[in-house]
């Protein structure tokens, strides 16, 4: 679904990525971890097509991003759903119109069809017809995430890109959102690449974990194997007391 081969990224003279390679298979859920400024969001923007790597080859949905024309690039984006950090709902539109926005951008002029598709996605994420008429300012944090997820799924994408999907949520809302995402993944079998620092997501949901540090991809494997990697960032992030408590609690619960 996504292949990065020897990706280098510069902003002017500033090095962001150095020689990054990874392959995300269909149906996998990848958690992307790294310190602030390590280039996680830039990598997501390159996969979406909003940024271009300085060197290397990037393929998304089987197509070399550098070789496709603008029309093909737009078509590829229609097969990719994005949930931005904070939801990024349009504040002047209600929930229904936020979710319908990608359909209307594609000039789907059958409003009955738009309504059916929006209602279907609302039900999928646990929202109802009353919620559809609310404005973003009237929503709780969890409802914003659910509405944003419905919008990301409205075109039934093969690839879903998430930026800190549980940030700003309380523990209960965060757990509910993770459960929802797991259920939808089982139903729809999309592929997921997400930026996250949520240890519960990394342990409970992700099939693979990728770690960025020192401009490089220092680890890319299952969580158990990533934990064995010798690097200062991995020790600080995955082997501190809080992380060990969470991992031990989860292992006890699953056991």
Foldseek 3Di string as FASTA:
>chain_A
DKWWAQFWADDVPRTQAGGETDDFDFLFAEEEEEDPSNCPVVVVCVQLPVDPTPDTFIDDPRHTSVPDDPVVSVVSNLQEFEQEVQLPFDQVAALLCSLLVVVVVVVPPPVVVSVVLSQVLCVLLPHHPVSRRHGPVPDDSLVSLSSSVSSRCSSPHQEYEYEASCPPHDPVSSVSNLVSVQVVCVVSRHYYYYHHLDLCCLPPPGQWYWYGDPSYGQDIGRPVVLCPRDDVVSCVRCVDPVNVVVVVVVVVVVD
